[in-house]
N, C-alpha and C. Protein backbone atom coordinates (compact mmCIF):
# COMPACT_ATOMS: atom_id res chain seq x y z
N MET A 1 4.28 -38.38 4.97
CA MET A 1 4.26 -37.10 4.20
C MET A 1 4.92 -36.17 5.00
N SER A 2 5.68 -35.27 4.37
CA SER A 2 6.51 -34.30 5.05
C SER A 2 5.91 -32.90 5.02
N ASP A 3 6.06 -32.13 6.14
CA ASP A 3 5.41 -30.80 6.20
C ASP A 3 6.35 -29.71 5.47
N GLN A 4 7.39 -30.20 5.16
CA GLN A 4 8.42 -29.20 4.48
C GLN A 4 8.23 -28.98 3.20
N LYS A 5 8.27 -27.83 2.62
CA LYS A 5 8.10 -27.42 1.27
C LYS A 5 9.20 -27.84 0.35
N PRO A 6 9.04 -28.32 -0.80
CA PRO A 6 10.05 -28.78 -1.58
C PRO A 6 10.90 -27.72 -2.13
N VAL A 7 12.36 -27.97 -2.12
CA VAL A 7 13.30 -27.03 -2.70
C VAL A 7 13.17 -26.86 -4.10
N ILE A 8 12.98 -25.54 -4.61
CA ILE A 8 12.78 -25.40 -6.05
C ILE A 8 14.05 -24.39 -6.51
N PHE A 9 14.65 -25.17 -7.49
CA PHE A 9 15.83 -24.44 -8.03
C PHE A 9 15.45 -23.67 -9.22
N ASP A 10 15.91 -22.42 -9.46
CA ASP A 10 15.60 -21.67 -10.52
C ASP A 10 16.85 -21.11 -11.08
N ASP A 11 17.39 -21.63 -12.31
CA ASP A 11 18.55 -21.22 -12.92
C ASP A 11 18.58 -19.76 -13.22
N GLU A 12 17.37 -19.31 -13.58
CA GLU A 12 17.35 -17.80 -14.03
C GLU A 12 17.28 -16.79 -12.82
N ASN A 13 16.95 -17.24 -11.63
CA ASN A 13 16.84 -16.46 -10.46
C ASN A 13 17.52 -17.19 -9.31
N PRO A 14 18.68 -17.44 -9.14
CA PRO A 14 19.24 -18.33 -8.09
C PRO A 14 19.14 -17.57 -6.65
N GLU A 15 19.08 -18.33 -5.67
CA GLU A 15 19.19 -17.69 -4.31
C GLU A 15 20.31 -16.94 -3.96
N TRP A 16 20.19 -15.86 -3.41
CA TRP A 16 21.42 -14.93 -3.08
C TRP A 16 22.32 -15.53 -2.12
N THR A 17 23.60 -15.29 -2.45
CA THR A 17 24.66 -15.77 -1.42
C THR A 17 25.12 -14.71 -0.60
N GLU A 18 25.88 -14.82 0.43
CA GLU A 18 26.45 -13.94 1.23
C GLU A 18 27.19 -12.86 0.38
N ALA A 19 27.98 -13.38 -0.62
CA ALA A 19 28.74 -12.37 -1.44
C ALA A 19 27.81 -11.47 -2.23
N ASP A 20 26.62 -11.96 -2.73
CA ASP A 20 25.68 -11.18 -3.46
C ASP A 20 25.24 -10.09 -2.68
N PHE A 21 24.81 -10.37 -1.45
CA PHE A 21 24.33 -9.35 -0.50
C PHE A 21 25.50 -8.35 -0.17
N ALA A 22 26.70 -8.77 -0.01
CA ALA A 22 27.70 -7.79 0.19
C ALA A 22 28.11 -6.90 -0.88
N HIS A 23 27.79 -7.32 -2.14
CA HIS A 23 28.01 -6.48 -3.34
C HIS A 23 26.75 -5.60 -3.71
N SER A 24 25.67 -5.74 -2.97
CA SER A 24 24.37 -5.21 -3.45
C SER A 24 24.27 -3.74 -3.04
N ARG A 25 23.62 -2.93 -3.76
CA ARG A 25 23.40 -1.43 -3.46
C ARG A 25 22.05 -1.11 -3.28
N PRO A 26 21.67 -0.05 -2.56
CA PRO A 26 20.23 0.23 -2.25
C PRO A 26 19.61 0.88 -3.58
N VAL A 27 18.23 0.78 -3.74
CA VAL A 27 17.66 1.14 -4.95
C VAL A 27 17.86 2.74 -5.20
N GLU A 28 18.08 3.45 -4.01
CA GLU A 28 18.29 4.91 -4.07
C GLU A 28 19.55 5.28 -4.89
N ASP A 29 20.39 4.28 -4.98
CA ASP A 29 21.68 4.60 -5.76
C ASP A 29 21.52 4.69 -7.32
N PHE A 30 20.07 4.26 -7.67
CA PHE A 30 19.71 4.21 -8.90
C PHE A 30 18.35 5.09 -9.16
N PRO A 31 18.52 6.29 -9.45
CA PRO A 31 17.36 7.32 -9.32
C PRO A 31 16.31 6.90 -10.30
N ALA A 32 16.68 6.45 -11.56
CA ALA A 32 15.76 6.16 -12.64
C ALA A 32 14.97 4.72 -12.22
N LEU A 33 15.70 3.91 -11.53
CA LEU A 33 14.87 2.66 -11.07
C LEU A 33 14.13 3.10 -9.68
N ALA A 34 14.51 3.72 -8.81
CA ALA A 34 13.80 4.22 -7.76
C ALA A 34 12.48 4.99 -8.17
N ALA A 35 12.62 5.65 -9.15
CA ALA A 35 11.35 6.53 -9.64
C ALA A 35 10.24 5.58 -10.22
N ALA A 36 10.76 4.31 -10.57
CA ALA A 36 9.68 3.40 -11.03
C ALA A 36 9.01 2.79 -9.96
N PHE A 37 9.42 2.79 -8.71
CA PHE A 37 8.89 2.13 -7.58
C PHE A 37 8.63 3.19 -6.54
N PRO A 38 7.67 4.22 -6.77
CA PRO A 38 7.38 5.17 -5.75
C PRO A 38 6.88 4.55 -4.48
N LYS A 39 7.27 5.24 -3.27
CA LYS A 39 6.57 4.75 -2.09
C LYS A 39 5.30 5.41 -1.85
N ALA A 40 4.22 4.54 -1.94
CA ALA A 40 2.77 4.98 -2.10
C ALA A 40 2.21 4.99 -0.68
N ARG A 41 2.78 4.48 0.21
CA ARG A 41 1.93 4.30 1.49
C ARG A 41 2.20 5.58 2.33
N GLY A 42 1.25 5.92 3.16
CA GLY A 42 1.38 7.00 4.20
C GLY A 42 1.23 8.36 3.63
N ARG A 43 1.44 9.21 4.43
CA ARG A 43 1.25 10.71 3.94
C ARG A 43 2.63 11.15 3.43
N PRO A 44 2.36 11.94 2.37
CA PRO A 44 3.63 12.30 1.49
C PRO A 44 4.53 13.08 2.47
N VAL A 45 5.82 13.01 2.19
CA VAL A 45 6.89 13.68 2.86
C VAL A 45 6.69 15.11 2.69
N GLY A 46 6.66 15.89 3.81
CA GLY A 46 6.61 17.38 3.71
C GLY A 46 5.12 17.81 3.87
N SER A 47 4.15 16.90 3.81
CA SER A 47 2.71 17.31 3.99
C SER A 47 2.45 17.96 5.36
N THR A 48 1.99 19.06 5.12
CA THR A 48 1.53 19.94 6.37
C THR A 48 0.10 20.23 6.50
N LYS A 49 -0.75 19.24 6.26
CA LYS A 49 -2.18 19.49 6.35
C LYS A 49 -2.61 19.78 7.83
N PRO A 50 -3.20 20.83 8.15
CA PRO A 50 -3.67 21.11 9.44
C PRO A 50 -4.87 20.30 9.93
N VAL A 51 -5.53 19.68 8.96
CA VAL A 51 -6.67 18.94 9.39
C VAL A 51 -6.39 17.41 9.65
N ARG A 52 -6.61 17.06 10.81
CA ARG A 52 -6.31 15.70 11.34
C ARG A 52 -7.50 14.68 11.03
N LYS A 53 -7.37 13.67 10.53
CA LYS A 53 -8.46 12.65 10.50
C LYS A 53 -8.22 11.56 11.65
N GLU A 54 -9.42 11.09 11.98
CA GLU A 54 -9.43 10.12 13.05
C GLU A 54 -9.83 8.79 12.48
N GLN A 55 -9.13 7.71 12.83
CA GLN A 55 -9.53 6.32 12.37
C GLN A 55 -10.44 5.75 13.39
N ILE A 56 -11.79 5.25 12.86
CA ILE A 56 -12.77 4.73 13.74
C ILE A 56 -13.25 3.35 13.20
N ALA A 57 -14.04 2.77 13.94
CA ALA A 57 -14.73 1.58 13.47
C ALA A 57 -16.21 1.97 13.20
N LEU A 58 -16.68 1.82 12.09
CA LEU A 58 -18.06 2.22 11.77
C LEU A 58 -18.80 1.25 11.09
N ARG A 59 -19.96 0.85 11.59
CA ARG A 59 -20.83 -0.21 10.84
C ARG A 59 -21.78 0.54 9.96
N VAL A 60 -21.91 0.07 8.66
CA VAL A 60 -22.87 0.67 7.69
C VAL A 60 -23.57 -0.65 7.14
N ASP A 61 -24.59 -0.43 6.50
CA ASP A 61 -25.39 -1.47 5.79
C ASP A 61 -24.65 -1.87 4.62
N ALA A 62 -24.55 -3.11 4.23
CA ALA A 62 -23.70 -3.74 3.17
C ALA A 62 -24.10 -3.11 1.79
N ASP A 63 -25.31 -2.67 1.63
CA ASP A 63 -25.58 -2.29 0.23
C ASP A 63 -25.05 -0.79 0.18
N VAL A 64 -24.91 0.01 1.35
CA VAL A 64 -24.37 1.40 1.26
C VAL A 64 -22.94 1.31 0.92
N LEU A 65 -22.26 0.36 1.68
CA LEU A 65 -20.76 0.24 1.42
C LEU A 65 -20.55 -0.21 0.02
N GLU A 66 -21.38 -1.16 -0.41
CA GLU A 66 -21.08 -1.63 -1.87
C GLU A 66 -21.27 -0.47 -2.96
N ARG A 67 -22.32 0.34 -2.65
CA ARG A 67 -22.50 1.41 -3.65
C ARG A 67 -21.43 2.57 -3.63
N TYR A 68 -20.76 2.69 -2.42
CA TYR A 68 -19.62 3.60 -2.37
C TYR A 68 -18.37 2.96 -3.09
N LYS A 69 -18.18 1.78 -2.70
CA LYS A 69 -16.99 1.04 -3.38
C LYS A 69 -17.15 0.85 -4.89
N ALA A 70 -18.41 0.78 -5.37
CA ALA A 70 -18.61 0.52 -6.80
C ALA A 70 -18.11 1.88 -7.51
N GLY A 71 -18.09 2.86 -6.80
CA GLY A 71 -17.62 4.26 -7.57
C GLY A 71 -16.20 4.24 -7.69
N GLY A 72 -15.42 3.27 -7.17
CA GLY A 72 -13.94 3.09 -7.50
C GLY A 72 -13.18 3.75 -6.43
N PRO A 73 -11.84 4.03 -6.76
CA PRO A 73 -10.95 4.59 -5.74
C PRO A 73 -11.56 6.05 -5.29
N GLY A 74 -11.34 6.04 -4.11
CA GLY A 74 -11.85 7.38 -3.39
C GLY A 74 -13.22 7.37 -2.65
N TRP A 75 -13.61 6.07 -2.51
CA TRP A 75 -15.00 5.85 -1.92
C TRP A 75 -14.88 6.43 -0.43
N GLN A 76 -13.87 6.29 0.31
CA GLN A 76 -13.74 6.66 1.62
C GLN A 76 -13.85 8.32 1.68
N THR A 77 -13.35 8.88 0.72
CA THR A 77 -13.38 10.44 0.74
C THR A 77 -14.75 10.72 0.32
N ARG A 78 -15.47 10.11 -0.64
CA ARG A 78 -16.74 10.47 -0.86
C ARG A 78 -17.73 10.11 0.30
N MET A 79 -17.51 9.12 0.82
CA MET A 79 -18.41 8.91 2.22
C MET A 79 -18.06 9.88 3.10
N ASN A 80 -16.92 10.35 3.38
CA ASN A 80 -16.54 11.36 4.27
C ASN A 80 -17.39 12.66 3.99
N ALA A 81 -17.31 12.96 2.66
CA ALA A 81 -18.03 14.31 2.17
C ALA A 81 -19.53 14.09 2.51
N ALA A 82 -20.11 12.94 2.25
CA ALA A 82 -21.47 12.87 2.49
C ALA A 82 -21.72 12.95 3.94
N LEU A 83 -20.92 12.30 4.80
CA LEU A 83 -21.09 12.55 6.25
C LEU A 83 -21.08 13.95 6.75
N ARG A 84 -20.04 14.62 6.20
CA ARG A 84 -19.75 16.00 6.46
C ARG A 84 -21.08 16.83 6.10
N ALA A 85 -21.69 16.66 4.83
CA ALA A 85 -22.71 17.31 4.54
C ALA A 85 -23.91 17.07 5.48
N GLY A 86 -24.02 15.74 5.82
CA GLY A 86 -25.12 15.42 6.78
C GLY A 86 -24.98 15.94 8.18
N ALA A 87 -23.75 16.29 8.41
CA ALA A 87 -23.49 16.80 9.89
C ALA A 87 -23.81 18.34 9.89
N ARG A 88 -24.16 19.04 8.88
CA ARG A 88 -24.24 20.42 8.89
C ARG A 88 -25.87 20.77 9.26
């Protein structure tokens, strides 16, 4: 038995050749297409928030973490607000 993966040919999506790469253009050349794929990672360009957050490792009970995550996106922000309220 071979460890190599089998070659899969796809007529509708063939592998690019050197010529294909030479004729390609970046997505920024197509503003409507680029807008469909916004860059979502990291701090937004031009963001000037004076408050800096620190990344830490924190151990919490599994049930506490589960309850925050069950609230959906933004659970880390909600947890931070609860910690801030408790620190006063």
